[in-house]
Amino acid sequence: MSAKTDAPQSPSTDSASAASALTVSRKPWLALAFGTSFGVGFIPIAPGTFGSLVGVALYYLFGAQAALVRGRISQTAGPLYLLSPVVIAVLVGLVGVWAADLSEKFLRRKDPNCIVVDEVSGQYLAYLVALAPLNWKYLLLGFILFRVLDIWKPFPARQAESLPGGWGIMTDDWVAGIYAGIGLWAARAAGL
């Protein structure tokens, strides 16, 4: 026994190492479920593309719900019909940051391919920014624009990837989603 090999460790060091071992050793089932969009991320070919398709379905589902609400409320209610889709966008984004962060730590890989909640969130955001109608042409165009911009990663999307943890995983897709939404909005304004 020597002072070097048997030095007493401070309680903060013990608790910090125990916390990190706990994070790595216990499988974060709920975070992985959300992060992989309930298994979609485990599709072996183009998981990001399938994650984007989940975003299309989510927008279609909540866009149809917003259209129903819009039909039931008077014109004086204004933009209240957007509340639900905006709340969904915020919830998917925040849960996505949490899920991506825990999943990345558990899997011990930077931005693992199986984590596709970022594509879901970015795709949904593209439609929301454009206030895209539930028309197959706009849904398809928004999907193509988002996928191209998500792969290309125009400024500042690539730089956003360097943010820590879940923020880096999610933010680059939000940037691509905003750009895709602007492109989709411009296509609508041009009458396409």
Foldseek 3Di string as FASTA:
>chain_A
DDCVVPPDDDPVVVVVVVVLCCLQVDDPVVLLCLQLVNVLLVPPPPSLLSLLVLLLVVLLVLVVVLVVVVVVDDVVVPPPSCVVLVVVLVVLLVSQLVSQQSVCSNVVHQLDSSGRSLSSSLLNLLCSLLVPHPDVVLSVQLSVQLVVCLVVQDPPLVVLLPDDGSRNNNVSSNVSSNVSNVVSNVCVVVPD
